Amino acid sequence: MNTNMQYEAQKKNGFAAAIINFIIPGVGYIYCGNIILGIVVLLISIALLIFTLGLAWFVIAPIVVIDGFLCADRHNKKLAASLAD
């Protein structure tokens, strides 16, 4: 398989990561390959949502949505660099 086909097969969609993180905080990171970060964010988000009776959602949601989008971009840049070597 050539490099371009490998890149296309393994790249991640930023909008998908953002939407997944909006629905279930942390799972967008897992989608991008950051499993440990995703689990940590998921557990912290659950704890914060329980302790604040859901009010933390207004702080958590924008952060994880934006960073989920950026996480996919970081993944794609790292992928491109590794395939270029």
N, C-alpha and C. Protein backbone atom coordinates (compact mmCIF):
# COMPACT_ATOMS: atom_id res chain seq x y z
N MET A 1 0.85 -1.17 0.00
CA MET A 1 0.00 0.00 0.00
C MET A 1 0.90 1.24 0.00
N ASN A 2 0.59 2.22 -0.84
CA ASN A 2 1.44 3.40 -0.88
C ASN A 2 1.16 4.32 0.30
N THR A 3 2.03 5.29 0.49
CA THR A 3 1.97 6.17 1.65
C THR A 3 0.67 6.97 1.71
N ASN A 4 0.22 7.47 0.58
CA ASN A 4 -1.00 8.27 0.57
C ASN A 4 -2.21 7.43 0.96
N MET A 5 -2.26 6.20 0.51
CA MET A 5 -3.38 5.33 0.87
C MET A 5 -3.33 4.97 2.35
N GLN A 6 -2.12 4.76 2.89
CA GLN A 6 -1.99 4.48 4.32
C GLN A 6 -2.46 5.67 5.14
N TYR A 7 -2.06 6.88 4.70
CA TYR A 7 -2.47 8.09 5.41
C TYR A 7 -3.99 8.23 5.41
N GLU A 8 -4.59 8.08 4.26
CA GLU A 8 -6.05 8.22 4.14
C GLU A 8 -6.78 7.17 4.99
N ALA A 9 -6.22 5.98 5.07
CA ALA A 9 -6.86 4.91 5.83
C ALA A 9 -6.77 5.13 7.34
N GLN A 10 -5.73 5.82 7.79
CA GLN A 10 -5.49 5.96 9.22
C GLN A 10 -5.78 7.35 9.77
N LYS A 11 -6.06 8.34 8.92
CA LYS A 11 -6.28 9.68 9.43
C LYS A 11 -7.62 9.75 10.17
N LYS A 12 -7.73 10.72 11.07
CA LYS A 12 -8.93 10.89 11.88
C LYS A 12 -9.63 12.18 11.49
N ASN A 13 -10.95 12.17 11.57
CA ASN A 13 -11.78 13.31 11.24
C ASN A 13 -11.96 14.18 12.49
N GLY A 14 -11.58 15.44 12.39
CA GLY A 14 -11.69 16.36 13.52
C GLY A 14 -13.11 16.60 13.97
N PHE A 15 -14.02 16.72 13.02
CA PHE A 15 -15.42 16.94 13.39
C PHE A 15 -16.00 15.72 14.10
N ALA A 16 -15.62 14.54 13.66
CA ALA A 16 -16.09 13.32 14.32
C ALA A 16 -15.57 13.26 15.75
N ALA A 17 -14.30 13.57 15.94
CA ALA A 17 -13.72 13.56 17.29
C ALA A 17 -14.41 14.58 18.18
N ALA A 18 -14.71 15.76 17.65
CA ALA A 18 -15.38 16.80 18.42
C ALA A 18 -16.79 16.38 18.81
N ILE A 19 -17.53 15.81 17.88
CA ILE A 19 -18.90 15.39 18.17
C ILE A 19 -18.92 14.23 19.16
N ILE A 20 -18.01 13.29 18.99
CA ILE A 20 -17.93 12.17 19.93
C ILE A 20 -17.60 12.68 21.32
N ASN A 21 -16.66 13.62 21.42
CA ASN A 21 -16.31 14.19 22.72
C ASN A 21 -17.47 14.97 23.32
N PHE A 22 -18.30 15.59 22.49
CA PHE A 22 -19.46 16.31 23.00
C PHE A 22 -20.48 15.34 23.60
N ILE A 23 -20.69 14.23 22.93
CA ILE A 23 -21.67 13.25 23.39
C ILE A 23 -21.18 12.53 24.63
N ILE A 24 -19.96 12.02 24.58
CA ILE A 24 -19.36 11.32 25.73
C ILE A 24 -17.93 11.85 25.88
N PRO A 25 -17.71 12.80 26.80
CA PRO A 25 -16.39 13.40 26.96
C PRO A 25 -15.31 12.33 27.17
N GLY A 26 -14.26 12.43 26.38
CA GLY A 26 -13.14 11.52 26.49
C GLY A 26 -13.09 10.47 25.39
N VAL A 27 -14.23 10.10 24.87
CA VAL A 27 -14.27 9.03 23.86
C VAL A 27 -13.70 9.54 22.52
N GLY A 28 -13.78 10.82 22.27
CA GLY A 28 -13.16 11.39 21.08
C GLY A 28 -11.65 11.24 21.10
N TYR A 29 -11.07 11.33 22.29
CA TYR A 29 -9.62 11.11 22.42
C TYR A 29 -9.27 9.65 22.13
N ILE A 30 -10.11 8.75 22.60
CA ILE A 30 -9.89 7.33 22.33
C ILE A 30 -9.97 7.08 20.83
N TYR A 31 -10.91 7.71 20.17
CA TYR A 31 -11.04 7.61 18.71
C TYR A 31 -9.74 8.05 18.02
N CYS A 32 -9.09 9.07 18.58
CA CYS A 32 -7.85 9.59 17.99
C CYS A 32 -6.62 8.80 18.41
N GLY A 33 -6.80 7.78 19.23
CA GLY A 33 -5.68 6.94 19.63
C GLY A 33 -5.07 7.28 20.97
N ASN A 34 -5.58 8.30 21.66
CA ASN A 34 -5.08 8.68 22.98
C ASN A 34 -5.94 7.99 24.04
N ILE A 35 -5.72 6.72 24.23
CA ILE A 35 -6.59 5.91 25.08
C ILE A 35 -6.51 6.33 26.54
N ILE A 36 -5.30 6.52 27.06
CA ILE A 36 -5.15 6.88 28.47
C ILE A 36 -5.78 8.24 28.73
N LEU A 37 -5.50 9.22 27.88
CA LEU A 37 -6.10 10.55 28.04
C LEU A 37 -7.62 10.45 27.98
N GLY A 38 -8.14 9.66 27.06
CA GLY A 38 -9.59 9.51 26.93
C GLY A 38 -10.22 8.93 28.18
N ILE A 39 -9.60 7.92 28.76
CA ILE A 39 -10.14 7.31 29.98
C ILE A 39 -10.09 8.29 31.14
N VAL A 40 -8.97 9.01 31.27
CA VAL A 40 -8.83 9.99 32.35
C VAL A 40 -9.89 11.08 32.22
N VAL A 41 -10.06 11.63 31.03
CA VAL A 41 -11.06 12.68 30.81
C VAL A 41 -12.46 12.15 31.07
N LEU A 42 -12.74 10.94 30.64
CA LEU A 42 -14.05 10.34 30.87
C LEU A 42 -14.34 10.22 32.37
N LEU A 43 -13.39 9.70 33.12
CA LEU A 43 -13.60 9.52 34.56
C LEU A 43 -13.72 10.85 35.30
N ILE A 44 -12.87 11.80 34.94
CA ILE A 44 -12.95 13.12 35.58
C ILE A 44 -14.27 13.81 35.22
N SER A 45 -14.68 13.69 33.98
CA SER A 45 -15.95 14.30 33.56
C SER A 45 -17.13 13.70 34.30
N ILE A 46 -17.14 12.40 34.45
CA ILE A 46 -18.23 11.75 35.19
C ILE A 46 -18.26 12.25 36.63
N ALA A 47 -17.09 12.30 37.26
CA ALA A 47 -17.02 12.76 38.65
C ALA A 47 -17.49 14.21 38.77
N LEU A 48 -17.03 15.07 37.88
CA LEU A 48 -17.44 16.48 37.94
C LEU A 48 -18.93 16.65 37.68
N LEU A 49 -19.46 15.89 36.74
CA LEU A 49 -20.89 16.00 36.45
C LEU A 49 -21.74 15.53 37.62
N ILE A 50 -21.27 14.51 38.32
CA ILE A 50 -22.01 14.02 39.49
C ILE A 50 -21.95 15.04 40.62
N PHE A 51 -20.74 15.52 40.91
CA PHE A 51 -20.57 16.42 42.05
C PHE A 51 -21.17 17.80 41.84
N THR A 52 -21.30 18.23 40.60
CA THR A 52 -21.86 19.55 40.33
C THR A 52 -23.30 19.47 39.82
N LEU A 53 -23.87 18.29 39.86
CA LEU A 53 -25.24 18.05 39.39
C LEU A 53 -25.43 18.49 37.93
N GLY A 54 -24.40 18.27 37.14
CA GLY A 54 -24.48 18.56 35.71
C GLY A 54 -24.03 19.95 35.30
N LEU A 55 -23.80 20.84 36.25
CA LEU A 55 -23.42 22.20 35.90
C LEU A 55 -22.03 22.28 35.28
N ALA A 56 -21.19 21.32 35.57
CA ALA A 56 -19.83 21.32 35.00
C ALA A 56 -19.87 21.12 33.49
N TRP A 57 -21.00 20.65 32.97
CA TRP A 57 -21.12 20.41 31.53
C TRP A 57 -20.84 21.68 30.73
N PHE A 58 -21.21 22.83 31.27
CA PHE A 58 -21.03 24.09 30.56
C PHE A 58 -19.55 24.48 30.46
N VAL A 59 -18.73 23.91 31.31
CA VAL A 59 -17.29 24.14 31.25
C VAL A 59 -16.61 23.01 30.48
N ILE A 60 -17.03 21.78 30.73
CA ILE A 60 -16.39 20.62 30.12
C ILE A 60 -16.64 20.56 28.61
N ALA A 61 -17.87 20.76 28.19
CA ALA A 61 -18.25 20.57 26.78
C ALA A 61 -17.41 21.41 25.82
N PRO A 62 -17.32 22.74 26.03
CA PRO A 62 -16.53 23.51 25.05
C PRO A 62 -15.06 23.09 25.00
N ILE A 63 -14.50 22.73 26.15
CA ILE A 63 -13.09 22.35 26.20
C ILE A 63 -12.85 21.06 25.43
N VAL A 64 -13.65 20.03 25.71
CA VAL A 64 -13.41 18.74 25.06
C VAL A 64 -13.79 18.76 23.58
N VAL A 65 -14.75 19.58 23.21
CA VAL A 65 -15.12 19.67 21.79
C VAL A 65 -13.97 20.30 20.99
N ILE A 66 -13.47 21.42 21.48
CA ILE A 66 -12.38 22.10 20.77
C ILE A 66 -11.12 21.22 20.76
N ASP A 67 -10.78 20.66 21.92
CA ASP A 67 -9.57 19.86 21.97
C ASP A 67 -9.73 18.53 21.22
N GLY A 68 -10.92 18.01 21.14
CA GLY A 68 -11.15 16.81 20.34
C GLY A 68 -10.85 17.07 18.88
N PHE A 69 -11.29 18.22 18.40
CA PHE A 69 -11.00 18.61 17.01
C PHE A 69 -9.49 18.74 16.81
N LEU A 70 -8.82 19.40 17.76
CA LEU A 70 -7.38 19.60 17.66
C LEU A 70 -6.61 18.30 17.84
N CYS A 71 -7.15 17.38 18.62
CA CYS A 71 -6.51 16.08 18.84
C CYS A 71 -6.43 15.30 17.51
N ALA A 72 -7.47 15.36 16.73
CA ALA A 72 -7.46 14.68 15.42
C ALA A 72 -6.40 15.31 14.52
N ASP A 73 -6.27 16.63 14.58
CA ASP A 73 -5.26 17.31 13.78
C ASP A 73 -3.85 16.90 14.23
N ARG A 74 -3.63 16.82 15.54
CA ARG A 74 -2.33 16.37 16.05
C ARG A 74 -2.04 14.94 15.61
N HIS A 75 -3.07 14.09 15.67
CA HIS A 75 -2.90 12.70 15.23
C HIS A 75 -2.50 12.65 13.75
N ASN A 76 -3.18 13.43 12.93
CA ASN A 76 -2.92 13.41 11.49
C ASN A 76 -1.53 13.95 11.16
N LYS A 77 -1.08 14.96 11.89
CA LYS A 77 0.27 15.49 11.66
C LYS A 77 1.32 14.47 12.06
N LYS A 78 1.10 13.80 13.20
CA LYS A 78 2.05 12.77 13.64
C LYS A 78 2.07 11.61 12.65
N LEU A 79 0.90 11.24 12.15
CA LEU A 79 0.80 10.16 11.17
C LEU A 79 1.56 10.52 9.89
N ALA A 80 1.35 11.75 9.41
CA ALA A 80 2.02 12.18 8.19
C ALA A 80 3.54 12.17 8.38
N ALA A 81 4.00 12.61 9.54
CA ALA A 81 5.44 12.64 9.81
C ALA A 81 6.01 11.21 9.87
N SER A 82 5.27 10.30 10.48
CA SER A 82 5.77 8.93 10.58
C SER A 82 5.78 8.23 9.23
N LEU A 83 4.84 8.55 8.38
CA LEU A 83 4.80 7.93 7.06
C LEU A 83 5.84 8.54 6.12
N ALA A 84 6.24 9.78 6.40
CA ALA A 84 7.25 10.44 5.56
C ALA A 84 8.64 9.88 5.81
N ASP A 85 8.84 9.31 6.99
CA ASP A 85 10.17 8.75 7.32
C ASP A 85 10.47 7.49 6.57
